[in-house]
């Protein structure tokens, strides 16, 4: 189907500062992230980075599947998998589970879930330009198991993205960003 911006309006989920997010009209477990072409810097960066990850064979175990690029007159975007829990409900943001009451809904320790994500990021040298509690969801894969999935903010914002091609520098950047994320968002009592 050829989409237009107007034809996607009934499927609108959310509108951010740069992007529109639509439930995909044809693919049940996908959404479409769409930006105006004149303000698509973040979207274009994520498209390039997703393509880079696919080309280099990085497993998408802690990232949503990347579909195809969507070009609509005046807009640029892409398809991305929706992350749902085992019961079909939309996975909740990390911030939800940082609240002590909600954390008890998880059968796993949140520290273990985040440690697994950290190891995935380090091993695969994943660059996340905006690592935060709203860009990570906790996907409950079974009633007793969960994993963290980065759903937004991927890529490298450097003017010359040399870290994308030199693994050692990517590793250093990934470590530095993870350390900042833990200091800023994860309370010490967790």
Protein backbone atom coordinates (compact mmCIF):
# COMPACT_ATOMS: atom_id res chain seq x y z
CA UNK A 1 0.00 0.00 0.00
CA UNK A 2 1.17 3.51 -0.72
CA UNK A 3 0.71 5.54 2.43
CA UNK A 4 0.12 9.25 2.67
CA UNK A 5 0.50 11.29 5.81
CA UNK A 6 -3.27 11.82 5.80
CA UNK A 7 -4.04 8.10 5.38
CA UNK A 8 -1.95 7.33 8.49
CA UNK A 9 -3.79 9.79 10.77
CA UNK A 10 -6.32 7.25 12.12
CA UNK A 11 -3.35 5.12 13.27
CA UNK A 12 -1.57 7.90 15.20
CA UNK A 13 -0.23 6.66 18.55
CA UNK A 14 1.89 9.62 19.64
CA UNK A 15 3.57 12.79 18.44
CA UNK A 16 6.97 13.76 19.78
CA UNK A 17 9.03 16.87 19.25
CA UNK A 18 10.34 15.58 15.90
CA UNK A 19 8.41 12.45 15.01
CA UNK A 20 4.97 10.99 14.60
CA UNK A 21 4.43 7.41 15.66
CA UNK A 22 1.70 5.39 13.93
CA UNK A 23 0.47 1.84 14.37
CA UNK A 24 1.26 0.11 11.08
CA UNK A 25 -1.95 -0.29 9.05
CA UNK A 26 -0.77 -3.55 7.42
CA UNK A 27 1.66 -5.19 9.85
CA UNK A 28 0.12 -6.02 13.21
CA UNK A 29 3.29 -5.97 15.32
CA UNK A 30 4.92 -2.94 13.71
CA UNK A 31 4.69 0.80 13.92
CA UNK A 32 5.82 3.57 11.61
CA UNK A 33 8.04 6.39 12.89
CA UNK A 34 7.73 9.38 10.58
CA UNK A 35 9.41 12.80 10.56
CA UNK A 36 8.91 15.84 8.34
CA UNK A 37 11.69 15.74 5.74
CA UNK A 38 12.99 19.15 6.85
CA UNK A 39 13.35 17.95 10.49
CA UNK A 40 14.36 14.32 10.05
CA UNK A 41 17.88 14.37 11.46
CA UNK A 42 17.15 11.86 14.24
CA UNK A 43 15.13 9.59 11.96
CA UNK A 44 17.80 9.57 9.26
CA UNK A 45 20.48 8.83 11.86
CA UNK A 46 18.47 5.89 13.23
CA UNK A 47 17.80 4.52 9.74
CA UNK A 48 21.51 4.58 8.92
CA UNK A 49 22.40 3.01 12.24
CA UNK A 50 19.78 0.24 11.98
CA UNK A 51 21.04 -0.52 8.46
CA UNK A 52 24.63 -0.58 9.77
CA UNK A 53 23.65 -3.02 12.56
CA UNK A 54 21.81 -5.32 10.14
CA UNK A 55 24.73 -5.26 7.68
CA UNK A 56 27.24 -6.17 10.40
CA UNK A 57 25.06 -9.01 11.70
CA UNK A 58 24.34 -7.65 15.19
CA UNK A 59 21.61 -9.74 16.87
CA UNK A 60 18.44 -7.75 17.58
CA UNK A 61 17.77 -9.49 20.90
CA UNK A 62 17.61 -6.18 22.80
CA UNK A 63 16.49 -3.97 19.93
CA UNK A 64 13.21 -3.90 18.01
CA UNK A 65 13.29 -5.36 14.53
CA UNK A 66 13.85 -2.77 11.83
CA UNK A 67 11.55 -3.05 8.81
CA UNK A 68 11.87 -0.99 5.69
CA UNK A 69 12.38 2.70 5.08
CA UNK A 70 9.16 4.62 4.44
CA UNK A 71 9.25 7.59 2.08
CA UNK A 72 6.10 9.67 1.92
CA UNK A 73 5.92 13.01 0.15
CA UNK A 74 7.44 15.51 2.59
CA UNK A 75 8.23 12.86 5.23
CA UNK A 76 10.84 10.21 5.95
CA UNK A 77 10.47 7.29 8.31
CA UNK A 78 10.79 3.59 8.95
CA UNK A 79 8.99 0.52 10.22
CA UNK A 80 9.89 -0.78 13.65
CA UNK A 81 8.67 -3.73 15.68
CA UNK A 82 6.31 -3.01 18.58
CA UNK A 83 7.63 -4.53 21.80
CA UNK A 84 4.90 -6.46 23.61
CA UNK A 85 4.96 -8.61 26.73
CA UNK A 86 4.22 -12.33 26.60
CA UNK A 87 0.55 -11.58 27.35
CA UNK A 88 0.19 -9.23 24.35
CA UNK A 89 0.23 -6.00 26.37
CA UNK A 90 2.55 -3.20 25.34
CA UNK A 91 5.84 -3.41 27.26
CA UNK A 92 6.28 -0.64 29.80
CA UNK A 93 9.11 1.88 30.00
CA UNK A 94 11.99 1.31 32.38
CA UNK A 95 10.80 4.26 34.52
CA UNK A 96 7.62 2.31 35.33
CA UNK A 97 9.66 -0.49 36.92
CA UNK A 98 11.99 1.86 38.79
CA UNK A 99 9.06 2.59 41.09
CA UNK A 100 9.35 0.16 44.02
CA UNK A 101 5.72 -0.98 43.85
CA UNK A 102 5.86 -1.72 40.13
CA UNK A 103 9.25 -3.41 40.42
CA UNK A 104 7.59 -6.14 42.45
CA UNK A 105 5.63 -7.10 39.31
CA UNK A 106 8.89 -8.42 37.88
CA UNK A 107 10.05 -11.83 39.06
CA UNK A 108 13.63 -10.90 38.17
CA UNK A 109 15.79 -8.30 39.85
CA UNK A 110 15.88 -5.11 37.76
CA UNK A 111 19.66 -5.01 38.27
CA UNK A 112 20.02 -8.37 36.50
CA UNK A 113 17.85 -7.19 33.60
CA UNK A 114 19.95 -4.02 33.21
CA UNK A 115 23.20 -5.98 33.56
CA UNK A 116 22.11 -8.19 30.65
CA UNK A 117 21.39 -5.08 28.56
CA UNK A 118 24.76 -3.61 29.47
CA UNK A 119 26.56 -6.78 28.38
CA UNK A 120 24.61 -6.77 25.09
CA UNK A 121 25.58 -3.13 24.46
CA UNK A 122 29.24 -3.76 25.30
CA UNK A 123 29.54 -7.00 23.33
CA UNK A 124 27.92 -5.55 20.21
CA UNK A 125 29.30 -2.02 20.65
CA UNK A 126 25.81 -0.53 20.36
CA UNK A 127 25.81 3.27 20.30
CA UNK A 128 22.83 4.91 21.94
CA UNK A 129 22.79 8.70 21.69
CA UNK A 130 19.89 9.04 24.12
CA UNK A 131 20.09 6.31 26.75
CA UNK A 132 17.32 6.95 29.25
CA UNK A 133 14.34 5.52 31.06
CA UNK A 134 11.85 6.41 28.33
CA UNK A 135 13.90 4.88 25.50
CA UNK A 136 14.19 1.50 27.22
CA UNK A 137 11.26 -0.82 27.79
CA UNK A 138 11.16 -3.92 29.97
CA UNK A 139 9.67 -6.76 27.97
CA UNK A 140 8.22 -9.53 30.10
CA UNK A 141 8.97 -12.55 27.88
CA UNK A 142 7.34 -15.07 30.29
CA UNK A 143 5.59 -14.64 33.65
CA UNK A 144 8.98 -14.98 35.35
CA UNK A 145 11.48 -13.63 32.78
CA UNK A 146 12.10 -10.17 31.33
CA UNK A 147 14.63 -8.32 29.23
CA UNK A 148 15.39 -4.67 28.51
CA UNK A 149 14.91 -3.44 24.94
CA UNK A 150 16.18 -0.12 23.55
CA UNK A 151 13.34 1.27 21.44
CA UNK A 152 14.57 4.76 20.58
CA UNK A 153 17.64 7.01 20.53
CA UNK A 154 20.00 4.71 18.64
CA UNK A 155 22.98 5.93 16.71
CA UNK A 156 25.93 8.22 16.92
CA UNK A 157 25.53 12.00 17.03
CA UNK A 158 29.20 12.72 16.35
CA UNK A 159 29.84 15.01 13.37
CA UNK A 160 32.31 12.42 12.07
CA UNK A 161 30.89 9.07 13.29
CA UNK A 162 34.25 7.32 13.48
CA UNK A 163 33.01 5.15 16.37
CA UNK A 164 30.72 3.36 13.93
CA UNK A 165 33.78 1.93 12.21
CA UNK A 166 36.43 1.58 14.91
CA UNK A 167 35.26 -1.03 17.45
CA UNK A 168 37.63 0.09 20.21
CA UNK A 169 36.29 3.67 20.11
CA UNK A 170 32.70 2.40 19.95
CA UNK A 171 33.38 0.30 23.03
CA UNK A 172 34.78 3.28 24.95
CA UNK A 173 31.77 5.41 23.99
CA UNK A 174 29.32 2.64 24.96
CA UNK A 175 30.98 2.29 28.39
CA UNK A 176 30.94 6.04 28.98
CA UNK A 177 27.27 6.40 28.02
CA UNK A 178 26.22 3.44 30.15
CA UNK A 179 28.04 4.85 33.17
CA UNK A 180 26.26 8.23 32.72
CA UNK A 181 22.92 6.48 32.29
CA UNK A 182 23.35 4.54 35.54
CA UNK A 183 24.40 7.68 37.44
CA UNK A 184 21.54 9.82 36.11
CA UNK A 185 18.59 7.45 36.03
CA UNK A 186 19.09 4.47 38.30
CA UNK A 187 18.55 5.30 41.98
CA UNK A 188 21.30 4.10 44.31
CA UNK A 189 18.89 1.94 46.35
CA UNK A 190 18.18 -0.34 43.39
